[in-house]
Amino acid sequence: MVVSTVPVRAAHAEQVEDWREAVRTAAGLLVDLGVADAAYVEACVASVEKNGPYIVLTKGVALAHAQVEVGVTSEGIGLLRLAEPVAFGHPANDPVDLVFAFSTSGGDAHLAMIRRFGLALGGDLPARAREAEPDRVEDVLCAVAADD
């Protein structure tokens, strides 16, 4: 078993109203962990409103994040798994059923977390997250959250 060095939180939802609610819910898991505040959640939504669905990285997977200067106290990872996928407006990778969110303390930590996600998404993380029992979804985050 991989031991997580970063706090993680996951949730399963049947459906959300739209992508904004999906991002707010996923980023809200970071608030639940105590590693971010409500300003960070809204910054995650504002980032997509401003830049479009760039956070949709591959089929069915979004990675919500914002500038590290806004409302972050430390590192954390959240995952919202949706039973009913939601559209973000991405031309190739919609709809999304896995919304990851992360927070970091900035600089190198931010880039390191993006690299961790890149490696995990290139592996079997999405499949494992989709196949996990609802009460075990959090377990799939440990590989991303563990030290390299």
C-alpha atoms as a PDB file:
ATOM      1  CA  MET A   1       0.000   0.000   0.000  1.00  0.00           C
ATOM      2  CA  VAL A   2       1.252   3.471  -0.876  1.00  0.00           C
ATOM      3  CA  VAL A   3       1.242   5.886   2.053  1.00  0.00           C
ATOM      4  CA  SER A   4      -0.009   9.346   1.227  1.00  0.00           C
ATOM      5  CA  THR A   5       2.159  12.282   2.248  1.00  0.00           C
ATOM      6  CA  VAL A   6      -0.460  14.794   1.119  1.00  0.00           C
ATOM      7  CA  PRO A   7      -3.969  14.906   2.599  1.00  0.00           C
ATOM      8  CA  VAL A   8      -6.635  13.536   0.263  1.00  0.00           C
ATOM      9  CA  ARG A   9     -10.420  13.565   0.213  1.00  0.00           C
ATOM     10  CA  ALA A  10     -12.822  12.006  -2.291  1.00  0.00           C
ATOM     11  CA  ALA A  11     -16.547  12.017  -2.854  1.00  0.00           C
ATOM     12  CA  HIS A  12     -19.025  10.318  -5.145  1.00  0.00           C
ATOM     13  CA  ALA A  13     -22.075  12.183  -6.449  1.00  0.00           C
ATOM     14  CA  GLU A  14     -24.894  10.967  -8.624  1.00  0.00           C
ATOM     15  CA  GLN A  15     -25.114  14.255 -10.510  1.00  0.00           C
ATOM     16  CA  VAL A  16     -24.356  17.957 -10.414  1.00  0.00           C
ATOM     17  CA  GLU A  17     -26.144  20.852 -12.057  1.00  0.00           C
ATOM     18  CA  ASP A  18     -23.212  21.942 -14.234  1.00  0.00           C
ATOM     19  CA  TRP A  19     -19.425  22.120 -14.453  1.00  0.00           C
ATOM     20  CA  ARG A  20     -19.329  24.996 -11.963  1.00  0.00           C
ATOM     21  CA  GLU A  21     -20.975  22.863  -9.302  1.00  0.00           C
ATOM     22  CA  ALA A  22     -18.586  20.013 -10.143  1.00  0.00           C
ATOM     23  CA  VAL A  23     -15.548  22.273  -9.710  1.00  0.00           C
ATOM     24  CA  ARG A  24     -16.943  23.828  -6.533  1.00  0.00           C
ATOM     25  CA  THR A  25     -17.629  20.401  -5.068  1.00  0.00           C
ATOM     26  CA  ALA A  26     -14.203  18.996  -5.971  1.00  0.00           C
ATOM     27  CA  ALA A  27     -12.354  22.092  -4.740  1.00  0.00           C
ATOM     28  CA  GLY A  28     -14.623  22.180  -1.694  1.00  0.00           C
ATOM     29  CA  LEU A  29     -13.048  18.892  -0.640  1.00  0.00           C
ATOM     30  CA  LEU A  30      -9.821  20.875  -0.167  1.00  0.00           C
ATOM     31  CA  VAL A  31     -11.687  23.226   2.166  1.00  0.00           C
ATOM     32  CA  ASP A  32     -12.933  20.180   4.077  1.00  0.00           C
ATOM     33  CA  LEU A  33      -9.320  19.077   4.437  1.00  0.00           C
ATOM     34  CA  GLY A  34      -8.362  22.501   5.787  1.00  0.00           C
ATOM     35  CA  VAL A  35      -5.789  23.155   3.043  1.00  0.00           C
ATOM     36  CA  ALA A  36      -7.729  25.854   1.159  1.00  0.00           C
ATOM     37  CA  ASP A  37     -10.538  28.285   1.757  1.00  0.00           C
ATOM     38  CA  ALA A  38     -13.646  29.412  -0.115  1.00  0.00           C
ATOM     39  CA  ALA A  39     -11.652  32.002  -2.076  1.00  0.00           C
ATOM     40  CA  TYR A  40      -9.636  29.198  -3.664  1.00  0.00           C
ATOM     41  CA  VAL A  41     -12.818  27.356  -4.644  1.00  0.00           C
ATOM     42  CA  GLU A  42     -14.152  30.426  -6.410  1.00  0.00           C
ATOM     43  CA  ALA A  43     -10.753  31.055  -8.012  1.00  0.00           C
ATOM     44  CA  CYS A  44     -10.907  27.555  -9.527  1.00  0.00           C
ATOM     45  CA  VAL A  45     -14.288  28.359 -11.088  1.00  0.00           C
ATOM     46  CA  ALA A  46     -13.124  31.807 -12.249  1.00  0.00           C
ATOM     47  CA  SER A  47     -10.085  30.263 -13.923  1.00  0.00           C
ATOM     48  CA  VAL A  48     -12.286  28.115 -16.157  1.00  0.00           C
ATOM     49  CA  GLU A  49     -14.670  31.001 -16.802  1.00  0.00           C
ATOM     50  CA  LYS A  50     -11.716  33.119 -17.946  1.00  0.00           C
ATOM     51  CA  ASN A  51      -9.651  30.499 -19.828  1.00  0.00           C
ATOM     52  CA  GLY A  52     -12.210  27.967 -21.003  1.00  0.00           C
ATOM     53  CA  PRO A  53     -12.174  24.219 -20.331  1.00  0.00           C
ATOM     54  CA  TYR A  54      -8.371  23.893 -20.313  1.00  0.00           C
ATOM     55  CA  ILE A  55      -8.635  21.840 -17.108  1.00  0.00           C
ATOM     56  CA  VAL A  56     -10.219  18.947 -19.040  1.00  0.00           C
ATOM     57  CA  LEU A  57      -6.997  17.054 -19.682  1.00  0.00           C
ATOM     58  CA  THR A  58      -8.179  13.799 -21.203  1.00  0.00           C
ATOM     59  CA  LYS A  59     -11.448  12.003 -21.889  1.00  0.00           C
ATOM     60  CA  GLY A  60     -13.685  12.398 -18.862  1.00  0.00           C
ATOM     61  CA  VAL A  61     -11.038  13.920 -16.577  1.00  0.00           C
ATOM     62  CA  ALA A  62     -10.687  17.491 -15.296  1.00  0.00           C
ATOM     63  CA  LEU A  63      -8.017  18.894 -12.983  1.00  0.00           C
ATOM     64  CA  ALA A  64      -9.344  21.952 -11.136  1.00  0.00           C
ATOM     65  CA  HIS A  65      -6.799  24.386  -9.727  1.00  0.00           C
ATOM     66  CA  ALA A  66      -6.067  28.081  -9.465  1.00  0.00           C
ATOM     67  CA  GLN A  67      -3.273  30.488  -8.646  1.00  0.00           C
ATOM     68  CA  VAL A  68      -1.527  29.305  -5.516  1.00  0.00           C
ATOM     69  CA  GLU A  69      -1.611  32.769  -3.977  1.00  0.00           C
ATOM     70  CA  VAL A  70      -5.388  32.624  -3.554  1.00  0.00           C
ATOM     71  CA  GLY A  71      -6.703  30.927  -0.438  1.00  0.00           C
ATOM     72  CA  VAL A  72      -4.277  28.014  -0.085  1.00  0.00           C
ATOM     73  CA  THR A  73      -2.665  27.040   3.200  1.00  0.00           C
ATOM     74  CA  SER A  74      -0.971  23.788   2.144  1.00  0.00           C
ATOM     75  CA  GLU A  75      -1.014  20.835  -0.243  1.00  0.00           C
ATOM     76  CA  GLY A  76      -4.071  18.681  -0.748  1.00  0.00           C
ATOM     77  CA  ILE A  77      -5.870  16.599  -3.355  1.00  0.00           C
ATOM     78  CA  GLY A  78      -9.589  16.141  -3.884  1.00  0.00           C
ATOM     79  CA  LEU A  79     -11.553  13.946  -6.257  1.00  0.00           C
ATOM     80  CA  LEU A  80     -15.202  14.134  -7.181  1.00  0.00           C
ATOM     81  CA  ARG A  81     -16.482  11.093  -9.073  1.00  0.00           C
ATOM     82  CA  LEU A  82     -19.760  11.636 -10.891  1.00  0.00           C
ATOM     83  CA  ALA A  83     -22.220   8.896 -11.787  1.00  0.00           C
ATOM     84  CA  GLU A  84     -23.687  11.223 -14.424  1.00  0.00           C
ATOM     85  CA  PRO A  85     -20.901  13.021 -16.340  1.00  0.00           C
ATOM     86  CA  VAL A  86     -21.092  16.771 -16.873  1.00  0.00           C
ATOM     87  CA  ALA A  87     -20.101  18.876 -19.893  1.00  0.00           C
ATOM     88  CA  PHE A  88     -17.354  21.475 -19.532  1.00  0.00           C
ATOM     89  CA  GLY A  89     -17.466  22.564 -23.171  1.00  0.00           C
ATOM     90  CA  HIS A  90     -14.299  20.764 -24.224  1.00  0.00           C
ATOM     91  CA  PRO A  91     -14.539  19.769 -27.900  1.00  0.00           C
ATOM     92  CA  ALA A  92     -12.808  16.387 -27.536  1.00  0.00           C
ATOM     93  CA  ASN A  93     -12.835  15.277 -23.890  1.00  0.00           C
ATOM     94  CA  ASP A  94     -16.384  15.944 -22.656  1.00  0.00           C
ATOM     95  CA  PRO A  95     -18.294  14.796 -20.746  1.00  0.00           C
ATOM     96  CA  VAL A  96     -16.353  14.644 -17.456  1.00  0.00           C
ATOM     97  CA  ASP A  97     -16.969  12.114 -14.710  1.00  0.00           C
ATOM     98  CA  LEU A  98     -13.759  12.604 -12.668  1.00  0.00           C
ATOM     99  CA  VAL A  99     -12.981  16.067 -11.310  1.00  0.00           C
ATOM    100  CA  PHE A 100      -9.700  16.228  -9.443  1.00  0.00           C
ATOM    101  CA  ALA A 101      -8.727  19.342  -7.509  1.00  0.00           C
ATOM    102  CA  PHE A 102      -5.420  20.195  -5.919  1.00  0.00           C
ATOM    103  CA  SER A 103      -3.773  22.877  -3.876  1.00  0.00           C
ATOM    104  CA  THR A 104      -0.096  23.521  -3.289  1.00  0.00           C
ATOM    105  CA  SER A 105       2.026  26.024  -1.467  1.00  0.00           C
ATOM    106  CA  GLY A 106       3.375  27.355  -4.765  1.00  0.00           C
ATOM    107  CA  GLY A 107       6.374  27.390  -7.078  1.00  0.00           C
ATOM    108  CA  ASP A 108       8.089  24.037  -7.356  1.00  0.00           C
ATOM    109  CA  ALA A 109       5.346  22.273  -5.379  1.00  0.00           C
ATOM    110  CA  HIS A 110       2.727  23.373  -7.938  1.00  0.00           C
ATOM    111  CA  LEU A 111       4.774  22.039 -10.855  1.00  0.00           C
ATOM    112  CA  ALA A 112       5.585  18.844  -8.968  1.00  0.00           C
ATOM    113  CA  MET A 113       1.879  18.204  -8.335  1.00  0.00           C
ATOM    114  CA  ILE A 114       1.054  18.743 -12.012  1.00  0.00           C
ATOM    115  CA  ARG A 115       3.817  16.285 -12.910  1.00  0.00           C
ATOM    116  CA  ARG A 116       2.433  13.742 -10.431  1.00  0.00           C
ATOM    117  CA  PHE A 117      -0.992  14.031 -12.022  1.00  0.00           C
ATOM    118  CA  GLY A 118       0.468  13.739 -15.507  1.00  0.00           C
ATOM    119  CA  LEU A 119       2.182  10.489 -14.610  1.00  0.00           C
ATOM    120  CA  ALA A 120      -0.871   9.125 -12.802  1.00  0.00           C
ATOM    121  CA  LEU A 121      -3.251  10.048 -15.612  1.00  0.00           C
ATOM    122  CA  GLY A 122      -0.902   8.404 -18.103  1.00  0.00           C
ATOM    123  CA  GLY A 123      -1.154   5.278 -15.989  1.00  0.00           C
ATOM    124  CA  ASP A 124      -4.298   3.689 -14.669  1.00  0.00           C
ATOM    125  CA  LEU A 125      -5.569   6.355 -12.243  1.00  0.00           C
ATOM    126  CA  PRO A 126      -8.756   7.201 -14.193  1.00  0.00           C
ATOM    127  CA  ALA A 127      -9.714   3.539 -14.603  1.00  0.00           C
ATOM    128  CA  ARG A 128      -9.033   2.796 -10.939  1.00  0.00           C
ATOM    129  CA  ALA A 129     -11.065   5.826  -9.836  1.00  0.00           C
ATOM    130  CA  ARG A 130     -14.003   4.760 -11.991  1.00  0.00           C
ATOM    131  CA  GLU A 131     -13.901   1.122 -10.874  1.00  0.00           C
ATOM    132  CA  ALA A 132     -13.501   1.738  -7.130  1.00  0.00           C
ATOM    133  CA  GLU A 133     -16.400   1.170  -4.776  1.00  0.00           C
ATOM    134  CA  PRO A 134     -17.813   4.523  -3.609  1.00  0.00           C
ATOM    135  CA  ASP A 135     -16.286   4.123  -0.150  1.00  0.00           C
ATOM    136  CA  ARG A 136     -12.869   3.307  -1.666  1.00  0.00           C
ATOM    137  CA  VAL A 137     -12.540   6.149  -4.184  1.00  0.00           C
ATOM    138  CA  GLU A 138     -10.244   8.018  -1.789  1.00  0.00           C
ATOM    139  CA  ASP A 139      -7.768   5.137  -1.855  1.00  0.00           C
ATOM    140  CA  VAL A 140      -6.938   5.720  -5.512  1.00  0.00           C
ATOM    141  CA  LEU A 141      -5.545   9.164  -4.686  1.00  0.00           C
ATOM    142  CA  CYS A 142      -2.743   7.782  -2.529  1.00  0.00           C
ATOM    143  CA  ALA A 143      -0.448   7.053  -5.487  1.00  0.00           C
ATOM    144  CA  VAL A 144      -0.693  10.685  -6.626  1.00  0.00           C
ATOM    145  CA  ALA A 145      -0.281  12.060  -3.116  1.00  0.00           C
ATOM    146  CA  ALA A 146       2.695   9.858  -2.166  1.00  0.00           C
ATOM    147  CA  ASP A 147       6.252  11.140  -2.345  1.00  0.00           C
ATOM    148  CA  ASP A 148       8.096  10.345  -5.567  1.00  0.00           C
END
